Amino acid sequence: MQRILQEKELKLSGQRDRLKWNFGNAFAEKKHRFEMLVNSLNGLSPTAKLVKGFGYISVEGRPLVSVEEVKSGDGLVVEIHDGQVEAKVTGVRKKPEAGF
């Protein structure tokens, strides 16, 4: 009876070790995947781009997406990573359209 109990304890110990190892590997894989997704999201973040020297330009609270939205004398707000810059449009030049 003692031998059977020892065999069962040994078997249980081996199963416990495999379970710990499998759980540890699964956790490490999930953690690595999570970190990759976080890094990917940070790369897509508009505010993360501000730290790299880019700015977010708005006119009256709306994003500026075309030179046709502003004229000389209009005020702009340029959002950069550590604050805002208020600017005034002194001129507008539109790119010439490419002719095909």
PDB file of N, CA and C in Angstrom:
ATOM      1  N   MET A   1       0.813  -1.186   0.000  1.00  0.00           N
ATOM      2  CA  MET A   1       0.000   0.000   0.000  1.00  0.00           C
ATOM      3  C   MET A   1       0.866   1.262   0.000  1.00  0.00           C
ATOM      4  N   GLN A   2       1.952   1.224   0.760  1.00  0.00           N
ATOM      5  CA  GLN A   2       2.879   2.356   0.832  1.00  0.00           C
ATOM      6  C   GLN A   2       3.501   2.642  -0.533  1.00  0.00           C
ATOM      7  N   ARG A   3       3.866   1.581  -1.271  1.00  0.00           N
ATOM      8  CA  ARG A   3       4.470   1.716  -2.585  1.00  0.00           C
ATOM      9  C   ARG A   3       3.485   2.339  -3.571  1.00  0.00           C
ATOM     10  N   ILE A   4       2.243   1.921  -3.529  1.00  0.00           N
ATOM     11  CA  ILE A   4       1.207   2.470  -4.418  1.00  0.00           C
ATOM     12  C   ILE A   4       1.011   3.960  -4.130  1.00  0.00           C
ATOM     13  N   LEU A   5       1.000   4.294  -2.842  1.00  0.00           N
ATOM     14  CA  LEU A   5       0.853   5.697  -2.455  1.00  0.00           C
ATOM     15  C   LEU A   5       2.031   6.532  -2.954  1.00  0.00           C
ATOM     16  N   GLN A   6       3.239   6.007  -2.843  1.00  0.00           N
ATOM     17  CA  GLN A   6       4.422   6.716  -3.329  1.00  0.00           C
ATOM     18  C   GLN A   6       4.370   6.899  -4.850  1.00  0.00           C
ATOM     19  N   GLU A   7       3.927   5.866  -5.574  1.00  0.00           N
ATOM     20  CA  GLU A   7       3.804   5.958  -7.032  1.00  0.00           C
ATOM     21  C   GLU A   7       2.788   7.032  -7.417  1.00  0.00           C
ATOM     22  N   LYS A   8       1.673   7.055  -6.708  1.00  0.00           N
ATOM     23  CA  LYS A   8       0.627   8.048  -6.990  1.00  0.00           C
ATOM     24  C   LYS A   8       1.137   9.462  -6.683  1.00  0.00           C
ATOM     25  N   GLU A   9       1.876   9.610  -5.581  1.00  0.00           N
ATOM     26  CA  GLU A   9       2.436  10.917  -5.236  1.00  0.00           C
ATOM     27  C   GLU A   9       3.443  11.369  -6.291  1.00  0.00           C
ATOM     28  N   LEU A  10       4.261  10.433  -6.765  1.00  0.00           N
ATOM     29  CA  LEU A  10       5.248  10.739  -7.797  1.00  0.00           C
ATOM     30  C   LEU A  10       4.544  11.156  -9.097  1.00  0.00           C
ATOM     31  N   LYS A  11       3.496  10.426  -9.461  1.00  0.00           N
ATOM     32  CA  LYS A  11       2.737  10.753 -10.664  1.00  0.00           C
ATOM     33  C   LYS A  11       2.072  12.126 -10.527  1.00  0.00           C
ATOM     34  N   LEU A  12       1.501  12.380  -9.366  1.00  0.00           N
ATOM     35  CA  LEU A  12       0.850  13.660  -9.105  1.00  0.00           C
ATOM     36  C   LEU A  12       1.864  14.804  -9.144  1.00  0.00           C
ATOM     37  N   SER A  13       3.035  14.572  -8.610  1.00  0.00           N
ATOM     38  CA  SER A  13       4.092  15.584  -8.622  1.00  0.00           C
ATOM     39  C   SER A  13       4.500  15.920 -10.061  1.00  0.00           C
ATOM     40  N   GLY A  14       4.636  14.907 -10.895  1.00  0.00           N
ATOM     41  CA  GLY A  14       4.982  15.125 -12.300  1.00  0.00           C
ATOM     42  C   GLY A  14       3.903  15.892 -13.035  1.00  0.00           C
ATOM     43  N   GLN A  15       2.643  15.565 -12.753  1.00  0.00           N
ATOM     44  CA  GLN A  15       1.535  16.280 -13.393  1.00  0.00           C
ATOM     45  C   GLN A  15       1.498  17.736 -12.939  1.00  0.00           C
ATOM     46  N   ARG A  16       1.763  17.963 -11.657  1.00  0.00           N
ATOM     47  CA  ARG A  16       1.793  19.326 -11.127  1.00  0.00           C
ATOM     48  C   ARG A  16       2.902  20.128 -11.789  1.00  0.00           C
ATOM     49  N   ASP A  17       4.080  19.516 -11.979  1.00  0.00           N
ATOM     50  CA  ASP A  17       5.197  20.209 -12.632  1.00  0.00           C
ATOM     51  C   ASP A  17       4.869  20.548 -14.090  1.00  0.00           C
ATOM     52  N   ARG A  18       4.245  19.616 -14.801  1.00  0.00           N
ATOM     53  CA  ARG A  18       3.859  19.877 -16.194  1.00  0.00           C
ATOM     54  C   ARG A  18       2.812  20.986 -16.268  1.00  0.00           C
ATOM     55  N   LEU A  19       1.869  20.967 -15.335  1.00  0.00           N
ATOM     56  CA  LEU A  19       0.838  22.000 -15.309  1.00  0.00           C
ATOM     57  C   LEU A  19       1.454  23.375 -15.067  1.00  0.00           C
ATOM     58  N   LYS A  20       2.378  23.468 -14.112  1.00  0.00           N
ATOM     59  CA  LYS A  20       3.072  24.738 -13.846  1.00  0.00           C
ATOM     60  C   LYS A  20       3.826  25.210 -15.089  1.00  0.00           C
ATOM     61  N   TRP A  21       4.533  24.285 -15.736  1.00  0.00           N
ATOM     62  CA  TRP A  21       5.317  24.627 -16.917  1.00  0.00           C
ATOM     63  C   TRP A  21       4.394  25.097 -18.039  1.00  0.00           C
ATOM     64  N   ASN A  22       3.305  24.360 -18.289  1.00  0.00           N
ATOM     65  CA  ASN A  22       2.360  24.743 -19.353  1.00  0.00           C
ATOM     66  C   ASN A  22       1.704  26.088 -19.048  1.00  0.00           C
ATOM     67  N   PHE A  23       1.319  26.302 -17.813  1.00  0.00           N
ATOM     68  CA  PHE A  23       0.702  27.563 -17.427  1.00  0.00           C
ATOM     69  C   PHE A  23       1.694  28.716 -17.601  1.00  0.00           C
ATOM     70  N   GLY A  24       2.929  28.485 -17.171  1.00  0.00           N
ATOM     71  CA  GLY A  24       3.968  29.519 -17.310  1.00  0.00           C
ATOM     72  C   GLY A  24       4.215  29.870 -18.767  1.00  0.00           C
ATOM     73  N   ASN A  25       4.281  28.871 -19.636  1.00  0.00           N
ATOM     74  CA  ASN A  25       4.489  29.126 -21.067  1.00  0.00           C
ATOM     75  C   ASN A  25       3.298  29.866 -21.671  1.00  0.00           C
ATOM     76  N   ALA A  26       2.092  29.438 -21.337  1.00  0.00           N
ATOM     77  CA  ALA A  26       0.892  30.097 -21.875  1.00  0.00           C
ATOM     78  C   ALA A  26       0.849  31.552 -21.413  1.00  0.00           C
ATOM     79  N   PHE A  27       1.170  31.782 -20.158  1.00  0.00           N
ATOM     80  CA  PHE A  27       1.171  33.151 -19.633  1.00  0.00           C
ATOM     81  C   PHE A  27       2.218  34.002 -20.344  1.00  0.00           C
ATOM     82  N   ALA A  28       3.409  33.464 -20.528  1.00  0.00           N
ATOM     83  CA  ALA A  28       4.483  34.203 -21.195  1.00  0.00           C
ATOM     84  C   ALA A  28       4.099  34.545 -22.635  1.00  0.00           C
ATOM     85  N   GLU A  29       3.473  33.616 -23.337  1.00  0.00           N
ATOM     86  CA  GLU A  29       3.041  33.868 -24.713  1.00  0.00           C
ATOM     87  C   GLU A  29       1.973  34.960 -24.753  1.00  0.00           C
ATOM     88  N   LYS A  30       0.998  34.881 -23.860  1.00  0.00           N
ATOM     89  CA  LYS A  30      -0.070  35.889 -23.814  1.00  0.00           C
ATOM     90  C   LYS A  30       0.497  37.260 -23.450  1.00  0.00           C
ATOM     91  N   LYS A  31       1.438  37.295 -22.517  1.00  0.00           N
ATOM     92  CA  LYS A  31       2.054  38.558 -22.118  1.00  0.00           C
ATOM     93  C   LYS A  31       2.821  39.168 -23.285  1.00  0.00           C
ATOM     94  N   HIS A  32       3.573  38.342 -24.000  1.00  0.00           N
ATOM     95  CA  HIS A  32       4.332  38.823 -25.153  1.00  0.00           C
ATOM     96  C   HIS A  32       3.387  39.367 -26.227  1.00  0.00           C
ATOM     97  N   ARG A  33       2.309  38.665 -26.500  1.00  0.00           N
ATOM     98  CA  ARG A  33       1.323  39.109 -27.497  1.00  0.00           C
ATOM     99  C   ARG A  33       0.685  40.434 -27.069  1.00  0.00           C
ATOM    100  N   PHE A  34       0.361  40.544 -25.794  1.00  0.00           N
ATOM    101  CA  PHE A  34      -0.217  41.779 -25.259  1.00  0.00           C
ATOM    102  C   PHE A  34       0.756  42.947 -25.439  1.00  0.00           C
ATOM    103  N   GLU A  35       2.018  42.739 -25.123  1.00  0.00           N
ATOM    104  CA  GLU A  35       3.018  43.795 -25.268  1.00  0.00           C
ATOM    105  C   GLU A  35       3.173  44.209 -26.727  1.00  0.00           C
ATOM    106  N   MET A  36       3.105  43.253 -27.643  1.00  0.00           N
ATOM    107  CA  MET A  36       3.195  43.579 -29.066  1.00  0.00           C
ATOM    108  C   MET A  36       1.992  44.414 -29.507  1.00  0.00           C
ATOM    109  N   LEU A  37       0.806  44.064 -29.025  1.00  0.00           N
ATOM    110  CA  LEU A  37      -0.391  44.823 -29.375  1.00  0.00           C
ATOM    111  C   LEU A  37      -0.344  46.235 -28.798  1.00  0.00           C
ATOM    112  N   VAL A  38       0.141  46.374 -27.582  1.00  0.00           N
ATOM    113  CA  VAL A  38       0.281  47.706 -26.974  1.00  0.00           C
ATOM    114  C   VAL A  38       1.246  48.555 -27.792  1.00  0.00           C
ATOM    115  N   ASN A  39       2.367  47.976 -28.191  1.00  0.00           N
ATOM    116  CA  ASN A  39       3.338  48.710 -29.009  1.00  0.00           C
ATOM    117  C   ASN A  39       2.737  49.098 -30.357  1.00  0.00           C
ATOM    118  N   SER A  40       1.949  48.200 -30.921  1.00  0.00           N
ATOM    119  CA  SER A  40       1.293  48.497 -32.191  1.00  0.00           C
ATOM    120  C   SER A  40       0.305  49.647 -32.036  1.00  0.00           C
ATOM    121  N   LEU A  41      -0.469  49.627 -30.963  1.00  0.00           N
ATOM    122  CA  LEU A  41      -1.411  50.712 -30.702  1.00  0.00           C
ATOM    123  C   LEU A  41      -0.686  52.034 -30.481  1.00  0.00           C
ATOM    124  N   ASN A  42       0.409  51.996 -29.748  1.00  0.00           N
ATOM    125  CA  ASN A  42       1.183  53.217 -29.523  1.00  0.00           C
ATOM    126  C   ASN A  42       1.714  53.779 -30.828  1.00  0.00           C
ATOM    127  N   GLY A  43       2.088  52.897 -31.746  1.00  0.00           N
ATOM    128  CA  GLY A  43       2.573  53.350 -33.045  1.00  0.00           C
ATOM    129  C   GLY A  43       1.494  54.026 -33.871  1.00  0.00           C
ATOM    130  N   LEU A  44       0.238  53.658 -33.629  1.00  0.00           N
ATOM    131  CA  LEU A  44      -0.874  54.259 -34.365  1.00  0.00           C
ATOM    132  C   LEU A  44      -1.432  55.499 -33.681  1.00  0.00           C
ATOM    133  N   SER A  45      -1.019  55.746 -32.467  1.00  0.00           N
ATOM    134  CA  SER A  45      -1.563  56.851 -31.684  1.00  0.00           C
ATOM    135  C   SER A  45      -1.140  58.202 -32.247  1.00  0.00           C
ATOM    136  N   PRO A  46      -2.097  59.087 -32.491  1.00  0.00           N
ATOM    137  CA  PRO A  46      -1.729  60.422 -32.969  1.00  0.00           C
ATOM    138  C   PRO A  46      -0.855  61.180 -31.971  1.00  0.00           C
ATOM    139  N   THR A  47      -1.107  61.000 -30.686  1.00  0.00           N
ATOM    140  CA  THR A  47      -0.305  61.719 -29.694  1.00  0.00           C
ATOM    141  C   THR A  47       1.123  61.182 -29.625  1.00  0.00           C
ATOM    142  N   ALA A  48       1.322  59.916 -29.930  1.00  0.00           N
ATOM    143  CA  ALA A  48       2.681  59.368 -29.951  1.00  0.00           C
ATOM    144  C   ALA A  48       3.494  60.019 -31.069  1.00  0.00           C
ATOM    145  N   LYS A  49       2.841  60.373 -32.148  1.00  0.00           N
ATOM    146  CA  LYS A  49       3.525  61.040 -33.262  1.00  0.00           C
ATOM    147  C   LYS A  49       3.972  62.447 -32.865  1.00  0.00           C
ATOM    148  N   LEU A  50       3.242  63.090 -31.956  1.00  0.00           N
ATOM    149  CA  LEU A  50       3.592  64.446 -31.539  1.00  0.00           C
ATOM    150  C   LEU A  50       4.978  64.489 -30.904  1.00  0.00           C
ATOM    151  N   VAL A  51       5.332  63.435 -30.184  1.00  0.00           N
ATOM    152  CA  VAL A  51       6.639  63.383 -29.520  1.00  0.00           C
ATOM    153  C   VAL A  51       7.758  63.332 -30.554  1.00  0.00           C
ATOM    154  N   LYS A  52       7.444  62.860 -31.750  1.00  0.00           N
ATOM    155  CA  LYS A  52       8.459  62.728 -32.798  1.00  0.00           C
ATOM    156  C   LYS A  52       8.571  63.980 -33.661  1.00  0.00           C
ATOM    157  N   GLY A  53       7.947  65.075 -33.241  1.00  0.00           N
ATOM    158  CA  GLY A  53       8.094  66.325 -33.966  1.00  0.00           C
ATOM    159  C   GLY A  53       6.915  66.695 -34.837  1.00  0.00           C
ATOM    160  N   PHE A  54       5.889  65.904 -34.835  1.00  0.00           N
ATOM    161  CA  PHE A  54       4.713  66.230 -35.613  1.00  0.00           C
ATOM    162  C   PHE A  54       3.776  67.106 -34.788  1.00  0.00           C
ATOM    163  N   GLY A  55       2.885  67.771 -35.458  1.00  0.00           N
ATOM    164  CA  GLY A  55       1.905  68.611 -34.775  1.00  0.00           C
ATOM    165  C   GLY A  55       0.508  68.339 -35.296  1.00  0.00           C
ATOM    166  N   TYR A  56      -0.469  68.666 -34.484  1.00  0.00           N
ATOM    167  CA  TYR A  56      -1.880  68.549 -34.850  1.00  0.00           C
ATOM    168  C   TYR A  56      -2.398  69.971 -35.003  1.00  0.00           C
ATOM    169  N   ILE A  57      -2.825  70.320 -36.205  1.00  0.00           N
ATOM    170  CA  ILE A  57      -3.248  71.689 -36.491  1.00  0.00           C
ATOM    171  C   ILE A  57      -4.766  71.744 -36.545  1.00  0.00           C
ATOM    172  N   SER A  58      -5.328  72.717 -35.811  1.00  0.00           N
ATOM    173  CA  SER A  58      -6.782  72.862 -35.819  1.00  0.00           C
ATOM    174  C   SER A  58      -7.168  74.320 -36.047  1.00  0.00           C
ATOM    175  N   VAL A  59      -8.363  74.477 -36.590  1.00  0.00           N
ATOM    176  CA  VAL A  59      -8.959  75.788 -36.818  1.00  0.00           C
ATOM    177  C   VAL A  59     -10.330  75.746 -36.150  1.00  0.00           C
ATOM    178  N   GLU A  60     -10.512  76.605 -35.165  1.00  0.00           N
ATOM    179  CA  GLU A  60     -11.774  76.663 -34.426  1.00  0.00           C
ATOM    180  C   GLU A  60     -12.194  75.285 -33.909  1.00  0.00           C
ATOM    181  N   GLY A  61     -11.237  74.529 -33.408  1.00  0.00           N
ATOM    182  CA  GLY A  61     -11.513  73.229 -32.798  1.00  0.00           C
ATOM    183  C   GLY A  61     -11.639  72.071 -33.774  1.00  0.00           C
ATOM    184  N   ARG A  62     -11.543  72.348 -35.077  1.00  0.00           N
ATOM    185  CA  ARG A  62     -11.643  71.289 -36.085  1.00  0.00           C
ATOM    186  C   ARG A  62     -10.271  71.057 -36.711  1.00  0.00           C
ATOM    187  N   PRO A  63      -9.958  69.806 -37.056  1.00  0.00           N
ATOM    188  CA  PRO A  63      -8.653  69.550 -37.678  1.00  0.00           C
ATOM    189  C   PRO A  63      -8.550  70.235 -39.036  1.00  0.00           C
ATOM    190  N   LEU A  64      -7.390  70.802 -39.312  1.00  0.00           N
ATOM    191  CA  LEU A  64      -7.132  71.425 -40.605  1.00  0.00           C
ATOM    192  C   LEU A  64      -6.658  70.337 -41.563  1.00  0.00           C
ATOM    193  N   VAL A  65      -7.407  70.116 -42.631  1.00  0.00           N
ATOM    194  CA  VAL A  65      -7.041  69.055 -43.573  1.00  0.00           C
ATOM    195  C   VAL A  65      -6.796  69.572 -44.987  1.00  0.00           C
ATOM    196  N   SER A  66      -7.100  70.843 -45.239  1.00  0.00           N
ATOM    197  CA  SER A  66      -6.908  71.396 -46.574  1.00  0.00           C
ATOM    198  C   SER A  66      -6.595  72.883 -46.471  1.00  0.00           C
ATOM    199  N   VAL A  67      -5.773  73.378 -47.404  1.00  0.00           N
ATOM    200  CA  VAL A  67      -5.458  74.804 -47.429  1.00  0.00           C
ATOM    201  C   VAL A  67      -6.704  75.627 -47.772  1.00  0.00           C
ATOM    202  N   GLU A  68      -7.685  74.996 -48.354  1.00  0.00           N
ATOM    203  CA  GLU A  68      -8.922  75.697 -48.711  1.00  0.00           C
ATOM    204  C   GLU A  68      -9.768  76.063 -47.487  1.00  0.00           C
ATOM    205  N   GLU A  69      -9.412  75.531 -46.335  1.00  0.00           N
ATOM    206  CA  GLU A  69     -10.169  75.797 -45.114  1.00  0.00           C
ATOM    207  C   GLU A  69      -9.699  77.054 -44.386  1.00  0.00           C
ATOM    208  N   VAL A  70      -8.591  77.649 -44.854  1.00  0.00           N
ATOM    209  CA  VAL A  70      -8.048  78.830 -44.177  1.00  0.00           C
ATOM    210  C   VAL A  70      -7.718  79.921 -45.186  1.00  0.00           C
ATOM    211  N   LYS A  71      -7.608  81.132 -44.640  1.00  0.00           N
ATOM    212  CA  LYS A  71      -7.191  82.282 -45.456  1.00  0.00           C
ATOM    213  C   LYS A  71      -6.255  83.137 -44.607  1.00  0.00           C
ATOM    214  N   SER A  72      -5.582  84.045 -45.233  1.00  0.00           N
ATOM    215  CA  SER A  72      -4.668  84.929 -44.501  1.00  0.00           C
ATOM    216  C   SER A  72      -5.413  85.615 -43.371  1.00  0.00           C
ATOM    217  N   GLY A  73      -4.775  85.640 -42.216  1.00  0.00           N
ATOM    218  CA  GLY A  73      -5.354  86.271 -41.040  1.00  0.00           C
ATOM    219  C   GLY A  73      -6.056  85.315 -40.104  1.00  0.00           C
ATOM    220  N   ASP A  74      -6.386  84.103 -40.564  1.00  0.00           N
ATOM    221  CA  ASP A  74      -7.048  83.126 -39.691  1.00  0.00           C
ATOM    222  C   ASP A  74      -6.098  82.659 -38.591  1.00  0.00           C
ATOM    223  N   GLY A  75      -6.658  82.340 -37.456  1.00  0.00           N
ATOM    224  CA  GLY A  75      -5.874  81.797 -36.350  1.00  0.00           C
ATOM    225  C   GLY A  75      -5.846  80.283 -36.392  1.00  0.00           C
ATOM    226  N   LEU A  76      -4.727  79.717 -36.009  1.00  0.00           N
ATOM    227  CA  LEU A  76      -4.539  78.261 -35.943  1.00  0.00           C
ATOM    228  C   LEU A  76      -4.049  77.889 -34.553  1.00  0.00           C
ATOM    229  N   VAL A  77      -4.317  76.670 -34.163  1.00  0.00           N
ATOM    230  CA  VAL A  77      -3.724  76.114 -32.947  1.00  0.00           C
ATOM    231  C   VAL A  77      -2.937  74.878 -33.371  1.00  0.00           C
ATOM    232  N   VAL A  78      -1.664  74.856 -33.004  1.00  0.00           N
ATOM    233  CA  VAL A  78      -0.794  73.721 -33.311  1.00  0.00           C
ATOM    234  C   VAL A  78      -0.505  73.002 -32.004  1.00  0.00           C
ATOM    235  N   GLU A  79      -0.993  71.773 -31.910  1.00  0.00           N
ATOM    236  CA  GLU A  79      -0.784  70.946 -30.721  1.00  0.00           C
ATOM    237  C   GLU A  79       0.493  70.152 -30.921  1.00  0.00           C
ATOM    238  N   ILE A  80       1.445  70.306 -30.004  1.00  0.00           N
ATOM    239  CA  ILE A  80       2.671  69.516 -30.025  1.00  0.00           C
ATOM    240  C   ILE A  80       2.767  68.765 -28.704  1.00  0.00           C
ATOM    241  N   HIS A  81       3.771  67.949 -28.561  1.00  0.00           N
ATOM    242  CA  HIS A  81       3.802  67.024 -27.422  1.00  0.00           C
ATOM    243  C   HIS A  81       3.801  67.709 -26.055  1.00  0.00           C
ATOM    244  N   ASP A  82       4.318  68.913 -25.951  1.00  0.00           N
ATOM    245  CA  ASP A  82       4.381  69.523 -24.620  1.00  0.00           C
ATOM    246  C   ASP A  82       3.518  70.776 -24.484  1.00  0.00           C
ATOM    247  N   GLY A  83       2.601  70.995 -25.423  1.00  0.00           N
ATOM    248  CA  GLY A  83       1.721  72.151 -25.304  1.00  0.00           C
ATOM    249  C   GLY A  83       1.111  72.552 -26.634  1.00  0.00           C
ATOM    250  N   GLN A  84       0.707  73.807 -26.700  1.00  0.00           N
ATOM    251  CA  GLN A  84       0.068  74.336 -27.900  1.00  0.00           C
ATOM    252  C   GLN A  84       0.765  75.610 -28.346  1.00  0.00           C
ATOM    253  N   VAL A  85       0.723  75.835 -29.642  1.00  0.00           N
ATOM    254  CA  VAL A  85       1.231  77.065 -30.233  1.00  0.00           C
ATOM    255  C   VAL A  85       0.067  77.708 -30.964  1.00  0.00           C
ATOM    256  N   GLU A  86      -0.166  78.983 -30.666  1.00  0.00           N
ATOM    257  CA  GLU A  86      -1.182  79.725 -31.405  1.00  0.00           C
ATOM    258  C   GLU A  86      -0.478  80.460 -32.530  1.00  0.00           C
ATOM    259  N   ALA A  87      -1.031  80.348 -33.741  1.00  0.00           N
ATOM    260  CA  ALA A  87      -0.391  80.944 -34.909  1.00  0.00           C
ATOM    261  C   ALA A  87      -1.427  81.663 -35.760  1.00  0.00           C
ATOM    262  N   LYS A  88      -0.942  82.520 -36.622  1.00  0.00           N
ATOM    263  CA  LYS A  88      -1.810  83.254 -37.538  1.00  0.00           C
ATOM    264  C   LYS A  88      -1.332  82.969 -38.958  1.00  0.00           C
ATOM    265  N   VAL A  89      -2.275  82.700 -39.861  1.00  0.00           N
ATOM    266  CA  VAL A  89      -1.957  82.416 -41.255  1.00  0.00           C
ATOM    267  C   VAL A  89      -1.526  83.718 -41.923  1.00  0.00           C
ATOM    268  N   THR A  90      -0.331  83.690 -42.514  1.00  0.00           N
ATOM    269  CA  THR A  90       0.158  84.875 -43.224  1.00  0.00           C
ATOM    270  C   THR A  90       0.059  84.700 -44.732  1.00  0.00           C
ATOM    271  N   GLY A  91      -0.189  83.511 -45.166  1.00  0.00           N
ATOM    272  CA  GLY A  91      -0.340  83.254 -46.598  1.00  0.00           C
ATOM    273  C   GLY A  91      -0.756  81.820 -46.819  1.00  0.00           C
ATOM    274  N   VAL A  92      -1.387  81.563 -47.956  1.00  0.00           N
ATOM    275  CA  VAL A  92      -1.841  80.215 -48.297  1.00  0.00           C
ATOM    276  C   VAL A  92      -1.416  79.923 -49.731  1.00  0.00           C
ATOM    277  N   ARG A  93      -0.748  78.806 -49.948  1.00  0.00           N
ATOM    278  CA  ARG A  93      -0.353  78.368 -51.287  1.00  0.00           C
ATOM    279  C   ARG A  93      -0.862  76.955 -51.501  1.00  0.00           C
ATOM    280  N   LYS A  94      -1.608  76.774 -52.553  1.00  0.00           N
ATOM    281  CA  LYS A  94      -2.120  75.441 -52.880  1.00  0.00           C
ATOM    282  C   LYS A  94      -1.156  74.782 -53.861  1.00  0.00           C
ATOM    283  N   LYS A  95      -0.953  73.465 -53.701  1.00  0.00           N
ATOM    284  CA  LYS A  95      -0.115  72.715 -54.623  1.00  0.00           C
ATOM    285  C   LYS A  95      -0.773  72.713 -56.006  1.00  0.00           C
ATOM    286  N   PRO A  96       0.028  72.826 -57.037  1.00  0.00           N
ATOM    287  CA  PRO A  96      -0.572  72.700 -58.365  1.00  0.00           C
ATOM    288  C   PRO A  96      -1.030  71.259 -58.586  1.00  0.00           C
ATOM    289  N   GLU A  97      -2.171  71.123 -59.213  1.00  0.00           N
ATOM    290  CA  GLU A  97      -2.701  69.773 -59.453  1.00  0.00           C
ATOM    291  C   GLU A  97      -1.895  69.112 -60.554  1.00  0.00           C
ATOM    292  N   ALA A  98      -1.634  67.819 -60.348  1.00  0.00           N
ATOM    293  CA  ALA A  98      -0.881  67.064 -61.335  1.00  0.00           C
ATOM    294  C   ALA A  98      -1.775  66.761 -62.528  1.00  0.00           C
ATOM    295  N   GLY A  99      -1.316  67.070 -63.715  1.00  0.00           N
ATOM    296  CA  GLY A  99      -2.097  66.790 -64.916  1.00  0.00           C
ATOM    297  C   GLY A  99      -1.661  65.485 -65.546  1.00  0.00           C
ATOM    298  N   PHE A 100      -2.607  64.674 -65.912  1.00  0.00           N
ATOM    299  CA  PHE A 100      -2.274  63.382 -66.536  1.00  0.00           C
ATOM    300  C   PHE A 100      -2.702  63.390 -67.964  1.00  0.00           C
TER     301      PHE A 100
END
